[in-house]
Amino acid sequence: MKKNGIYLKLVVAVIALMSVLPLQSFSWVYHYNVKWGCNSKACKGFGICRTIVVMPDEGCIFTSNDGGKTIEMTVPPDIASAAGAQFAGQLFVMEGDFQFPPEFQEALHSLKPIIIKAGSYKMEKSTKGVVVYFN
């Protein structure tokens, strides 16, 4: 009986905490294989053309801590070097808009699609890979 009381208190505490914290304060993480290029150019050129969900610890990692307003893409070193020109410069270039798959929108509880607009984005390179900041 005592265990049930502790469990109930824990559930009430979690519910209370979730009602106080804004939903977008929670972060989300997705692992994707990325087809580089521009969707409107049949995946030629620069940017993100397509994504495919993969198992954790595979592919590129996409994260957001603010409901999708800013998105970080972490690219492992082997993937960045295989992509060649995509990561050769100082900025990550998106030649066309990219709309994330529906599971991104659902995970963020967003009523509208999550889209990275065409443009150039800050990119940091290190021995651990490349981090691109989409905002």
N, C-alpha and C. Protein backbone atom coordinates (compact mmCIF):
# COMPACT_ATOMS: atom_id res chain seq x y z
N MET A 1 0.82 -1.18 0.00
CA MET A 1 0.00 0.00 0.00
C MET A 1 0.87 1.26 0.00
N LYS A 2 1.99 1.21 0.71
CA LYS A 2 2.87 2.36 0.78
C LYS A 2 3.48 2.67 -0.59
N LYS A 3 3.80 1.64 -1.36
CA LYS A 3 4.36 1.84 -2.70
C LYS A 3 3.37 2.57 -3.59
N ASN A 4 2.09 2.25 -3.50
CA ASN A 4 1.07 2.91 -4.30
C ASN A 4 0.99 4.39 -3.96
N GLY A 5 1.13 4.74 -2.69
CA GLY A 5 1.10 6.14 -2.26
C GLY A 5 2.27 6.92 -2.82
N ILE A 6 3.46 6.31 -2.81
CA ILE A 6 4.66 6.95 -3.37
C ILE A 6 4.49 7.13 -4.87
N TYR A 7 3.98 6.10 -5.54
CA TYR A 7 3.76 6.17 -6.98
C TYR A 7 2.78 7.30 -7.33
N LEU A 8 1.70 7.39 -6.56
CA LEU A 8 0.69 8.43 -6.81
C LEU A 8 1.30 9.81 -6.61
N LYS A 9 2.11 10.00 -5.58
CA LYS A 9 2.76 11.30 -5.34
C LYS A 9 3.71 11.64 -6.49
N LEU A 10 4.42 10.66 -6.99
CA LEU A 10 5.34 10.89 -8.11
C LEU A 10 4.56 11.30 -9.36
N VAL A 11 3.48 10.62 -9.67
CA VAL A 11 2.66 10.95 -10.83
C VAL A 11 2.10 12.37 -10.70
N VAL A 12 1.60 12.72 -9.52
CA VAL A 12 1.06 14.07 -9.29
C VAL A 12 2.16 15.11 -9.46
N ALA A 13 3.36 14.84 -8.96
CA ALA A 13 4.48 15.78 -9.09
C ALA A 13 4.86 15.98 -10.55
N VAL A 14 4.91 14.92 -11.32
CA VAL A 14 5.24 15.02 -12.75
C VAL A 14 4.18 15.82 -13.49
N ILE A 15 2.91 15.55 -13.21
CA ILE A 15 1.83 16.28 -13.87
C ILE A 15 1.90 17.76 -13.50
N ALA A 16 2.15 18.06 -12.25
CA ALA A 16 2.26 19.45 -11.81
C ALA A 16 3.42 20.15 -12.51
N LEU A 17 4.55 19.48 -12.62
CA LEU A 17 5.71 20.04 -13.28
C LEU A 17 5.42 20.31 -14.75
N MET A 18 4.77 19.37 -15.42
CA MET A 18 4.47 19.53 -16.85
C MET A 18 3.48 20.67 -17.08
N SER A 19 2.59 20.93 -16.13
CA SER A 19 1.63 22.01 -16.33
C SER A 19 2.27 23.38 -16.12
N VAL A 20 3.39 23.44 -15.40
CA VAL A 20 4.06 24.70 -15.14
C VAL A 20 5.06 25.04 -16.24
N LEU A 21 5.77 24.05 -16.75
CA LEU A 21 6.78 24.28 -17.78
C LEU A 21 6.13 24.42 -19.14
N PRO A 22 6.60 25.39 -19.95
CA PRO A 22 6.05 25.50 -21.31
C PRO A 22 6.46 24.31 -22.15
N LEU A 23 5.59 23.88 -23.04
CA LEU A 23 5.83 22.70 -23.87
C LEU A 23 7.11 22.83 -24.67
N GLN A 24 7.40 24.01 -25.20
CA GLN A 24 8.57 24.14 -26.06
C GLN A 24 9.89 24.12 -25.29
N SER A 25 9.84 24.06 -23.95
CA SER A 25 11.09 23.99 -23.20
C SER A 25 11.70 22.59 -23.28
N PHE A 26 10.93 21.62 -23.70
CA PHE A 26 11.45 20.27 -23.86
C PHE A 26 12.14 20.15 -25.21
N SER A 27 13.26 19.46 -25.25
CA SER A 27 13.98 19.30 -26.51
C SER A 27 13.58 18.00 -27.17
N TRP A 28 13.82 17.91 -28.46
CA TRP A 28 13.58 16.68 -29.19
C TRP A 28 14.79 16.38 -30.04
N VAL A 29 14.98 15.11 -30.33
CA VAL A 29 16.13 14.65 -31.10
C VAL A 29 15.64 13.62 -32.12
N TYR A 30 16.04 13.80 -33.37
CA TYR A 30 15.77 12.81 -34.41
C TYR A 30 17.05 12.48 -35.13
N HIS A 31 17.22 11.21 -35.47
CA HIS A 31 18.37 10.74 -36.25
C HIS A 31 17.89 10.46 -37.66
N TYR A 32 18.56 11.07 -38.65
CA TYR A 32 18.16 10.92 -40.04
C TYR A 32 19.37 10.69 -40.94
N ASN A 33 19.18 9.86 -41.95
CA ASN A 33 20.10 9.87 -43.08
C ASN A 33 19.63 10.99 -43.98
N VAL A 34 20.56 11.78 -44.48
CA VAL A 34 20.21 12.94 -45.29
C VAL A 34 20.70 12.74 -46.71
N LYS A 35 19.83 13.02 -47.66
CA LYS A 35 20.21 13.11 -49.07
C LYS A 35 20.49 14.58 -49.32
N TRP A 36 21.75 14.92 -49.61
CA TRP A 36 22.14 16.31 -49.79
C TRP A 36 21.74 16.79 -51.17
N GLY A 37 21.40 18.06 -51.26
CA GLY A 37 21.05 18.68 -52.54
C GLY A 37 19.78 19.51 -52.39
N CYS A 38 19.32 20.02 -53.49
CA CYS A 38 18.13 20.86 -53.51
C CYS A 38 16.97 20.07 -54.11
N ASN A 39 15.86 19.99 -53.39
CA ASN A 39 14.72 19.20 -53.83
C ASN A 39 14.22 19.62 -55.21
N SER A 40 14.17 20.92 -55.46
CA SER A 40 13.67 21.40 -56.75
C SER A 40 14.66 21.16 -57.89
N LYS A 41 15.88 20.73 -57.57
CA LYS A 41 16.90 20.43 -58.59
C LYS A 41 17.21 18.94 -58.63
N ALA A 42 16.22 18.11 -58.30
CA ALA A 42 16.38 16.65 -58.31
C ALA A 42 17.56 16.22 -57.44
N CYS A 43 17.67 16.82 -56.28
CA CYS A 43 18.72 16.54 -55.29
C CYS A 43 20.13 16.87 -55.79
N LYS A 44 20.23 17.80 -56.70
CA LYS A 44 21.54 18.32 -57.14
C LYS A 44 21.75 19.64 -56.42
N GLY A 45 22.98 20.09 -56.33
CA GLY A 45 23.27 21.38 -55.70
C GLY A 45 23.46 21.24 -54.20
N PHE A 46 23.04 22.28 -53.46
CA PHE A 46 23.33 22.36 -52.03
C PHE A 46 22.06 22.42 -51.19
N GLY A 47 22.12 21.81 -50.01
CA GLY A 47 21.01 21.85 -49.07
C GLY A 47 20.62 20.45 -48.61
N ILE A 48 19.41 20.36 -48.09
CA ILE A 48 18.84 19.09 -47.65
C ILE A 48 17.73 18.74 -48.62
N CYS A 49 17.86 17.62 -49.30
CA CYS A 49 16.87 17.20 -50.28
C CYS A 49 15.82 16.30 -49.64
N ARG A 50 16.28 15.27 -48.93
CA ARG A 50 15.37 14.31 -48.29
C ARG A 50 15.98 13.81 -47.00
N THR A 51 15.12 13.28 -46.12
CA THR A 51 15.59 12.65 -44.89
C THR A 51 14.89 11.31 -44.72
N ILE A 52 15.60 10.38 -44.10
CA ILE A 52 15.05 9.06 -43.81
C ILE A 52 15.40 8.75 -42.35
N VAL A 53 14.40 8.38 -41.55
CA VAL A 53 14.63 8.05 -40.14
C VAL A 53 15.54 6.84 -40.04
N VAL A 54 16.52 6.92 -39.12
CA VAL A 54 17.42 5.79 -38.86
C VAL A 54 17.47 5.54 -37.35
N MET A 55 18.15 4.50 -36.97
CA MET A 55 18.29 4.14 -35.56
C MET A 55 19.16 5.18 -34.85
N PRO A 56 18.98 5.33 -33.53
CA PRO A 56 19.87 6.22 -32.76
C PRO A 56 21.33 5.84 -32.99
N ASP A 57 22.18 6.81 -32.92
CA ASP A 57 23.63 6.66 -33.15
C ASP A 57 23.97 6.43 -34.61
N GLU A 58 23.03 6.68 -35.52
CA GLU A 58 23.30 6.62 -36.95
C GLU A 58 22.87 7.94 -37.57
N GLY A 59 23.48 8.28 -38.68
CA GLY A 59 23.04 9.45 -39.44
C GLY A 59 23.30 10.78 -38.75
N CYS A 60 22.64 11.81 -39.25
CA CYS A 60 22.73 13.16 -38.71
C CYS A 60 21.72 13.32 -37.58
N ILE A 61 22.05 14.17 -36.64
CA ILE A 61 21.17 14.39 -35.49
C ILE A 61 20.56 15.78 -35.61
N PHE A 62 19.24 15.84 -35.57
CA PHE A 62 18.51 17.11 -35.60
C PHE A 62 17.91 17.33 -34.22
N THR A 63 18.14 18.52 -33.63
CA THR A 63 17.60 18.84 -32.31
C THR A 63 16.98 20.23 -32.31
N SER A 64 16.04 20.43 -31.38
CA SER A 64 15.46 21.75 -31.14
C SER A 64 15.08 21.84 -29.68
N ASN A 65 15.34 22.98 -29.07
CA ASN A 65 14.98 23.22 -27.67
C ASN A 65 13.90 24.27 -27.55
N ASP A 66 13.39 24.77 -28.67
CA ASP A 66 12.44 25.89 -28.60
C ASP A 66 11.25 25.71 -29.53
N GLY A 67 10.81 24.47 -29.67
CA GLY A 67 9.62 24.23 -30.47
C GLY A 67 9.82 24.34 -31.97
N GLY A 68 11.06 24.29 -32.43
CA GLY A 68 11.33 24.33 -33.87
C GLY A 68 11.70 25.68 -34.42
N LYS A 69 11.77 26.71 -33.56
CA LYS A 69 12.18 28.03 -34.05
C LYS A 69 13.64 28.00 -34.49
N THR A 70 14.47 27.30 -33.73
CA THR A 70 15.85 27.06 -34.14
C THR A 70 16.09 25.55 -34.12
N ILE A 71 16.81 25.09 -35.10
CA ILE A 71 17.10 23.66 -35.24
C ILE A 71 18.60 23.52 -35.44
N GLU A 72 19.20 22.57 -34.74
CA GLU A 72 20.62 22.26 -34.92
C GLU A 72 20.73 20.92 -35.62
N MET A 73 21.62 20.86 -36.59
CA MET A 73 21.92 19.61 -37.28
C MET A 73 23.38 19.27 -36.98
N THR A 74 23.61 18.12 -36.35
CA THR A 74 24.97 17.65 -36.08
C THR A 74 25.29 16.55 -37.08
N VAL A 75 26.37 16.76 -37.81
CA VAL A 75 26.76 15.84 -38.88
C VAL A 75 28.07 15.16 -38.46
N PRO A 76 28.07 13.83 -38.32
CA PRO A 76 29.30 13.13 -37.96
C PRO A 76 30.40 13.36 -39.00
N PRO A 77 31.67 13.28 -38.58
CA PRO A 77 32.79 13.58 -39.49
C PRO A 77 32.79 12.74 -40.77
N ASP A 78 32.47 11.45 -40.67
CA ASP A 78 32.50 10.60 -41.86
C ASP A 78 31.43 11.02 -42.87
N ILE A 79 30.27 11.43 -42.39
CA ILE A 79 29.21 11.87 -43.30
C ILE A 79 29.58 13.22 -43.91
N ALA A 80 30.13 14.13 -43.11
CA ALA A 80 30.52 15.45 -43.62
C ALA A 80 31.60 15.33 -44.69
N SER A 81 32.59 14.47 -44.47
CA SER A 81 33.66 14.33 -45.47
C SER A 81 33.15 13.67 -46.74
N ALA A 82 32.20 12.74 -46.61
CA ALA A 82 31.64 12.09 -47.79
C ALA A 82 30.78 13.05 -48.61
N ALA A 83 30.23 14.08 -47.95
CA ALA A 83 29.37 15.05 -48.65
C ALA A 83 30.18 16.09 -49.41
N GLY A 84 31.49 16.10 -49.22
CA GLY A 84 32.38 16.96 -49.99
C GLY A 84 32.05 18.44 -49.94
N ALA A 85 31.65 19.00 -51.08
CA ALA A 85 31.45 20.44 -51.23
C ALA A 85 30.37 21.00 -50.31
N GLN A 86 29.44 20.17 -49.86
CA GLN A 86 28.36 20.66 -49.00
C GLN A 86 28.91 21.31 -47.72
N PHE A 87 30.04 20.80 -47.22
CA PHE A 87 30.61 21.31 -45.98
C PHE A 87 31.99 21.94 -46.17
N ALA A 88 32.35 22.30 -47.41
CA ALA A 88 33.67 22.85 -47.71
C ALA A 88 33.80 24.32 -47.31
N GLY A 89 32.74 25.07 -47.34
CA GLY A 89 32.80 26.51 -47.07
C GLY A 89 32.64 26.84 -45.60
N GLN A 90 32.40 28.13 -45.34
CA GLN A 90 32.20 28.62 -43.98
C GLN A 90 30.74 28.60 -43.55
N LEU A 91 29.82 28.54 -44.53
CA LEU A 91 28.39 28.54 -44.26
C LEU A 91 27.73 27.33 -44.92
N PHE A 92 26.65 26.86 -44.32
CA PHE A 92 25.86 25.78 -44.91
C PHE A 92 24.83 26.43 -45.82
N VAL A 93 24.85 26.06 -47.09
CA VAL A 93 23.98 26.69 -48.08
C VAL A 93 22.77 25.82 -48.36
N MET A 94 21.59 26.46 -48.28
CA MET A 94 20.33 25.82 -48.67
C MET A 94 19.84 26.55 -49.92
N GLU A 95 19.91 25.90 -51.08
CA GLU A 95 19.46 26.53 -52.33
C GLU A 95 17.95 26.59 -52.44
N GLY A 96 17.26 25.76 -51.68
CA GLY A 96 15.80 25.76 -51.70
C GLY A 96 15.27 25.46 -50.31
N ASP A 97 13.98 25.72 -50.10
CA ASP A 97 13.36 25.41 -48.82
C ASP A 97 13.30 23.91 -48.61
N PHE A 98 13.33 23.49 -47.34
CA PHE A 98 13.16 22.08 -47.00
C PHE A 98 12.10 21.97 -45.91
N GLN A 99 11.08 21.16 -46.16
CA GLN A 99 10.03 20.91 -45.17
C GLN A 99 10.30 19.58 -44.50
N PHE A 100 10.39 19.60 -43.17
CA PHE A 100 10.62 18.37 -42.43
C PHE A 100 9.43 17.44 -42.54
N PRO A 101 9.66 16.14 -42.39
CA PRO A 101 8.57 15.16 -42.41
C PRO A 101 7.57 15.43 -41.28
N PRO A 102 6.36 14.91 -41.38
CA PRO A 102 5.30 15.17 -40.40
C PRO A 102 5.67 14.82 -38.96
N GLU A 103 6.52 13.82 -38.73
CA GLU A 103 6.84 13.45 -37.35
C GLU A 103 7.57 14.57 -36.61
N PHE A 104 8.30 15.44 -37.33
CA PHE A 104 8.92 16.61 -36.69
C PHE A 104 7.83 17.54 -36.16
N GLN A 105 6.89 17.83 -37.02
CA GLN A 105 5.79 18.73 -36.66
C GLN A 105 5.01 18.15 -35.47
N GLU A 106 4.73 16.85 -35.51
CA GLU A 106 4.00 16.20 -34.43
C GLU A 106 4.79 16.23 -33.12
N ALA A 107 6.09 15.96 -33.19
CA ALA A 107 6.93 15.94 -31.99
C ALA A 107 6.96 17.30 -31.31
N LEU A 108 6.89 18.35 -32.11
CA LEU A 108 6.94 19.71 -31.57
C LEU A 108 5.56 20.27 -31.25
N HIS A 109 4.53 19.47 -31.50
CA HIS A 109 3.14 19.91 -31.30
C HIS A 109 2.88 21.20 -32.06
N SER A 110 3.47 21.29 -33.25
CA SER A 110 3.31 22.48 -34.08
C SER A 110 2.08 22.33 -34.97
N LEU A 111 1.34 23.40 -35.12
CA LEU A 111 0.17 23.40 -35.99
C LEU A 111 0.54 23.67 -37.44
N LYS A 112 1.78 24.12 -37.65
CA LYS A 112 2.20 24.41 -39.01
C LYS A 112 3.47 23.61 -39.34
N PRO A 113 3.73 23.39 -40.63
CA PRO A 113 4.92 22.63 -41.03
C PRO A 113 6.21 23.30 -40.56
N ILE A 114 7.23 22.48 -40.28
CA ILE A 114 8.55 22.97 -39.90
C ILE A 114 9.38 23.05 -41.17
N ILE A 115 9.80 24.26 -41.53
CA ILE A 115 10.49 24.50 -42.81
C ILE A 115 11.80 25.24 -42.56
N ILE A 116 12.86 24.76 -43.21
CA ILE A 116 14.12 25.51 -43.25
C ILE A 116 14.10 26.26 -44.57
N LYS A 117 14.20 27.56 -44.49
CA LYS A 117 14.15 28.41 -45.69
C LYS A 117 15.49 28.40 -46.41
N ALA A 118 15.43 28.64 -47.71
CA ALA A 118 16.65 28.78 -48.51
C ALA A 118 17.49 29.91 -47.91
N GLY A 119 18.80 29.74 -47.92
CA GLY A 119 19.70 30.75 -47.38
C GLY A 119 21.01 30.13 -46.94
N SER A 120 21.81 30.91 -46.24
CA SER A 120 23.10 30.45 -45.73
C SER A 120 23.05 30.46 -44.21
N TYR A 121 23.57 29.39 -43.60
CA TYR A 121 23.45 29.22 -42.16
C TYR A 121 24.82 28.98 -41.52
N LYS A 122 24.95 29.46 -40.27
CA LYS A 122 26.18 29.30 -39.51
C LYS A 122 26.52 27.82 -39.36
N MET A 123 27.82 27.54 -39.50
CA MET A 123 28.29 26.16 -39.43
C MET A 123 29.57 26.14 -38.60
N GLU A 124 29.66 25.24 -37.62
CA GLU A 124 30.87 25.08 -36.81
C GLU A 124 31.46 23.71 -37.09
N LYS A 125 32.75 23.69 -37.39
CA LYS A 125 33.44 22.43 -37.68
C LYS A 125 34.39 22.09 -36.55
N SER A 126 34.48 20.79 -36.23
CA SER A 126 35.42 20.31 -35.22
C SER A 126 35.78 18.86 -35.56
N THR A 127 36.60 18.26 -34.74
CA THR A 127 36.96 16.85 -34.96
C THR A 127 35.77 15.94 -34.71
N LYS A 128 34.74 16.44 -34.01
CA LYS A 128 33.54 15.65 -33.72
C LYS A 128 32.50 15.76 -34.82
N GLY A 129 32.78 16.57 -35.84
CA GLY A 129 31.86 16.73 -36.95
C GLY A 129 31.52 18.18 -37.21
N VAL A 130 30.34 18.39 -37.77
CA VAL A 130 29.88 19.74 -38.13
C VAL A 130 28.52 19.97 -37.48
N VAL A 131 28.35 21.18 -36.92
CA VAL A 131 27.05 21.57 -36.38
C VAL A 131 26.55 22.75 -37.20
N VAL A 132 25.34 22.63 -37.72
CA VAL A 132 24.71 23.69 -38.50
C VAL A 132 23.55 24.23 -37.68
N TYR A 133 23.44 25.56 -37.64
CA TYR A 133 22.40 26.22 -36.87
C TYR A 133 21.38 26.85 -37.82
N PHE A 134 20.19 26.27 -37.87
CA PHE A 134 19.11 26.80 -38.69
C PHE A 134 18.21 27.64 -37.79
N ASN A 135 18.00 28.91 -38.15
CA ASN A 135 17.10 29.75 -37.36
C ASN A 135 16.35 30.71 -38.25
